[in-house]
C-alpha atoms as a PDB file:
ATOM      1  CA  MET A   1      33.152-144.877-117.258  1.00  0.00           C
ATOM      2  CA  ALA A   2      35.649-143.982-114.701  1.00  0.00           C
ATOM      3  CA  LEU A   3      35.670-141.724-111.800  1.00  0.00           C
ATOM      4  CA  GLU A   4      38.135-140.152-110.075  1.00  0.00           C
ATOM      5  CA  LEU A   5      36.929-139.109-106.833  1.00  0.00           C
ATOM      6  CA  SER A   6      37.857-136.653-104.260  1.00  0.00           C
ATOM      7  CA  LYS A   7      36.188-134.680-101.125  1.00  0.00           C
ATOM      8  CA  THR A   8      35.235-131.847-103.261  1.00  0.00           C
ATOM      9  CA  SER A   9      34.383-133.242-106.757  1.00  0.00           C
ATOM     10  CA  TRP A  10      34.271-135.962-109.135  1.00  0.00           C
ATOM     11  CA  VAL A  11      35.561-136.208-112.456  1.00  0.00           C
ATOM     12  CA  CYS A  12      33.297-138.502-114.564  1.00  0.00           C
ATOM     13  CA  ALA A  13      35.276-139.787-117.745  1.00  0.00           C
ATOM     14  CA  PHE A  14      33.360-141.691-120.688  1.00  0.00           C
ATOM     15  CA  ALA A  15      34.671-143.460-123.131  1.00  0.00           C
ATOM     16  CA  VAL A  16      32.776-145.413-126.490  1.00  0.00           C
ATOM     17  CA  PRO A  17      34.094-148.822-126.862  1.00  0.00           C
ATOM     18  CA  GLY A  18      36.434-148.742-129.813  1.00  0.00           C
ATOM     19  CA  ASP A  19      37.432-145.047-129.394  1.00  0.00           C
ATOM     20  CA  ASN A  20      40.533-143.967-127.395  1.00  0.00           C
ATOM     21  CA  LYS A  21      39.348-140.610-126.771  1.00  0.00           C
ATOM     22  CA  ALA A  22      37.387-139.942-123.502  1.00  0.00           C
ATOM     23  CA  THR A  23      34.863-137.413-122.708  1.00  0.00           C
ATOM     24  CA  ALA A  24      35.290-135.880-119.223  1.00  0.00           C
ATOM     25  CA  HIS A  25      32.523-134.371-116.784  1.00  0.00           C
ATOM     26  CA  LYS A  26      33.306-132.455-113.650  1.00  0.00           C
ATOM     27  CA  ILE A  27      30.591-132.884-110.867  1.00  0.00           C
ATOM     28  CA  LYS A  28      30.370-131.946-107.342  1.00  0.00           C
ATOM     29  CA  ALA A  29      31.109-134.988-104.749  1.00  0.00           C
ATOM     30  CA  ARG A  30      28.408-137.120-103.812  1.00  0.00           C
ATOM     31  CA  ASP A  31      25.998-135.749-106.610  1.00  0.00           C
ATOM     32  CA  VAL A  32      24.891-139.116-107.408  1.00  0.00           C
ATOM     33  CA  ASP A  33      22.078-137.863-109.498  1.00  0.00           C
ATOM     34  CA  ARG A  34      23.774-135.894-111.716  1.00  0.00           C
ATOM     35  CA  LEU A  35      25.918-138.935-112.091  1.00  0.00           C
ATOM     36  CA  ILE A  36      23.571-141.112-113.102  1.00  0.00           C
ATOM     37  CA  SER A  37      22.131-138.462-115.503  1.00  0.00           C
ATOM     38  CA  ILE A  38      25.467-138.219-117.097  1.00  0.00           C
ATOM     39  CA  LEU A  39      25.946-141.831-117.435  1.00  0.00           C
ATOM     40  CA  ASN A  40      22.381-142.324-118.800  1.00  0.00           C
ATOM     41  CA  SER A  41      23.040-139.371-121.469  1.00  0.00           C
ATOM     42  CA  SER A  42      26.639-140.959-122.742  1.00  0.00           C
ATOM     43  CA  LYS A  43      25.013-144.321-122.823  1.00  0.00           C
ATOM     44  CA  THR A  44      22.127-143.031-124.799  1.00  0.00           C
ATOM     45  CA  LYS A  45      24.587-141.175-127.317  1.00  0.00           C
ATOM     46  CA  ALA A  46      27.282-144.105-127.488  1.00  0.00           C
ATOM     47  CA  GLU A  47      24.248-146.868-128.562  1.00  0.00           C
ATOM     48  CA  HIS A  48      23.212-144.253-131.385  1.00  0.00           C
ATOM     49  CA  GLN A  49      26.566-143.522-132.448  1.00  0.00           C
ATOM     50  CA  LEU A  50      27.220-147.451-132.529  1.00  0.00           C
ATOM     51  CA  SER A  51      23.817-148.651-133.376  1.00  0.00           C
ATOM     52  CA  ARG A  52      23.343-151.486-130.945  1.00  0.00           C
ATOM     53  CA  PRO A  53      22.343-151.801-127.083  1.00  0.00           C
ATOM     54  CA  LEU A  54      25.739-150.966-124.876  1.00  0.00           C
ATOM     55  CA  ARG A  55      25.928-151.967-121.096  1.00  0.00           C
ATOM     56  CA  ILE A  56      27.380-149.551-118.531  1.00  0.00           C
ATOM     57  CA  VAL A  57      30.544-150.601-116.643  1.00  0.00           C
ATOM     58  CA  LEU A  58      32.072-147.858-114.373  1.00  0.00           C
ATOM     59  CA  CYS A  59      35.212-148.075-112.420  1.00  0.00           C
ATOM     60  CA  TYR A  60      36.860-145.947-109.668  1.00  0.00           C
ATOM     61  CA  GLU A  61      39.376-146.387-107.235  1.00  0.00           C
ATOM     62  CA  VAL A  62      38.634-147.174-103.518  1.00  0.00           C
ATOM     63  CA  GLY A  63      39.395-144.161-101.588  1.00  0.00           C
ATOM     64  CA  TYR A  64      37.490-141.545 -99.201  1.00  0.00           C
ATOM     65  CA  ASP A  65      34.118-142.560-100.448  1.00  0.00           C
ATOM     66  CA  GLY A  66      34.899-146.327-100.242  1.00  0.00           C
ATOM     67  CA  PHE A  67      32.217-148.747-101.028  1.00  0.00           C
ATOM     68  CA  TRP A  68      28.913-147.137-100.510  1.00  0.00           C
ATOM     69  CA  LEU A  69      28.984-145.484-104.139  1.00  0.00           C
ATOM     70  CA  ALA A  70      29.468-149.241-105.696  1.00  0.00           C
ATOM     71  CA  ARG A  71      26.842-150.768-103.385  1.00  0.00           C
ATOM     72  CA  LEU A  72      24.223-147.928-104.636  1.00  0.00           C
ATOM     73  CA  LEU A  73      25.515-148.330-108.284  1.00  0.00           C
ATOM     74  CA  MET A  74      25.200-151.820-108.378  1.00  0.00           C
ATOM     75  CA  ALA A  75      21.783-151.453-106.609  1.00  0.00           C
ATOM     76  CA  ARG A  76      20.336-149.567-110.103  1.00  0.00           C
ATOM     77  CA  GLY A  77      21.986-151.963-112.088  1.00  0.00           C
ATOM     78  CA  ILE A  78      25.029-150.463-113.015  1.00  0.00           C
ATOM     79  CA  ARG A  79      28.361-153.224-113.181  1.00  0.00           C
ATOM     80  CA  THR A  80      30.633-151.605-110.755  1.00  0.00           C
ATOM     81  CA  VAL A  81      34.261-152.554-110.567  1.00  0.00           C
ATOM     82  CA  VAL A  82      36.481-150.700-107.344  1.00  0.00           C
ATOM     83  CA  PHE A  83      40.440-150.653-108.164  1.00  0.00           C
ATOM     84  CA  ASP A  84      43.120-151.171-105.524  1.00  0.00           C
ATOM     85  CA  PRO A  85      44.937-147.748-106.208  1.00  0.00           C
ATOM     86  CA  ALA A  86      48.067-150.082-105.695  1.00  0.00           C
ATOM     87  CA  SER A  87      47.402-151.885-108.741  1.00  0.00           C
ATOM     88  CA  PHE A  88      47.819-149.410-111.278  1.00  0.00           C
ATOM     89  CA  LEU A  89      51.566-149.798-113.146  1.00  0.00           C
ATOM     90  CA  MET A  90      53.512-146.463-113.312  1.00  0.00           C
ATOM     91  CA  PRO A  91      56.448-145.519-114.743  1.00  0.00           C
ATOM     92  CA  ARG A  92      59.407-145.589-112.300  1.00  0.00           C
ATOM     93  CA  ARG A  93      61.505-143.008-114.100  1.00  0.00           C
ATOM     94  CA  GLY A  94      60.687-139.315-115.356  1.00  0.00           C
ATOM     95  CA  ARG A  95      57.975-137.229-114.016  1.00  0.00           C
ATOM     96  CA  ARG A  96      54.025-138.068-114.799  1.00  0.00           C
ATOM     97  CA  ALA A  97      51.682-135.485-114.801  1.00  0.00           C
ATOM     98  CA  LYS A  98      48.937-135.962-112.070  1.00  0.00           C
ATOM     99  CA  THR A  99      45.535-134.409-112.652  1.00  0.00           C
ATOM    100  CA  ASP A 100      42.033-136.243-111.913  1.00  0.00           C
ATOM    101  CA  ARG A 101      41.194-135.694-115.594  1.00  0.00           C
ATOM    102  CA  LEU A 102      44.254-138.120-116.631  1.00  0.00           C
ATOM    103  CA  ASP A 103      43.707-140.410-114.183  1.00  0.00           C
ATOM    104  CA  ALA A 104      39.972-140.753-114.739  1.00  0.00           C
ATOM    105  CA  GLU A 105      41.103-141.473-118.684  1.00  0.00           C
ATOM    106  CA  GLY A 106      43.680-143.813-117.535  1.00  0.00           C
ATOM    107  CA  MET A 107      41.401-145.860-115.746  1.00  0.00           C
ATOM    108  CA  THR A 108      38.836-145.990-118.579  1.00  0.00           C
ATOM    109  CA  ARG A 109      41.995-147.754-120.680  1.00  0.00           C
ATOM    110  CA  THR A 110      42.261-150.025-117.860  1.00  0.00           C
ATOM    111  CA  LEU A 111      39.263-151.305-117.764  1.00  0.00           C
ATOM    112  CA  ARG A 112      38.622-151.539-121.261  1.00  0.00           C
ATOM    113  CA  ASN A 113      41.906-153.839-121.931  1.00  0.00           C
ATOM    114  CA  PRO A 114      41.516-157.612-121.371  1.00  0.00           C
ATOM    115  CA  VAL A 115      44.206-159.188-118.982  1.00  0.00           C
ATOM    116  CA  ARG A 116      46.416-160.889-120.497  1.00  0.00           C
END
């Protein structure tokens, strides 16, 4: 699961292990109860689809909301990774589409790919 955070809204992207397609949900910023609801329902659906238990791993770029969200999620037993925005490789040439949804989906791919 990846979050793209802004002052007014959050985009949550969830990708099932082994699937390249991410499902995105847009919620009001700081609506932690709705976020937890999405996490739980996405996890339940993925566990049913894969017929095995899963552990949620969530990531987001540090920014406006800082680390309070990471501390809250970790206190609820959710493994949370906070990225430095400068750590993402971006193409140097050409234009790149920039939307919250694309950023969140990109983070899910980054989270799933092993470090080489």
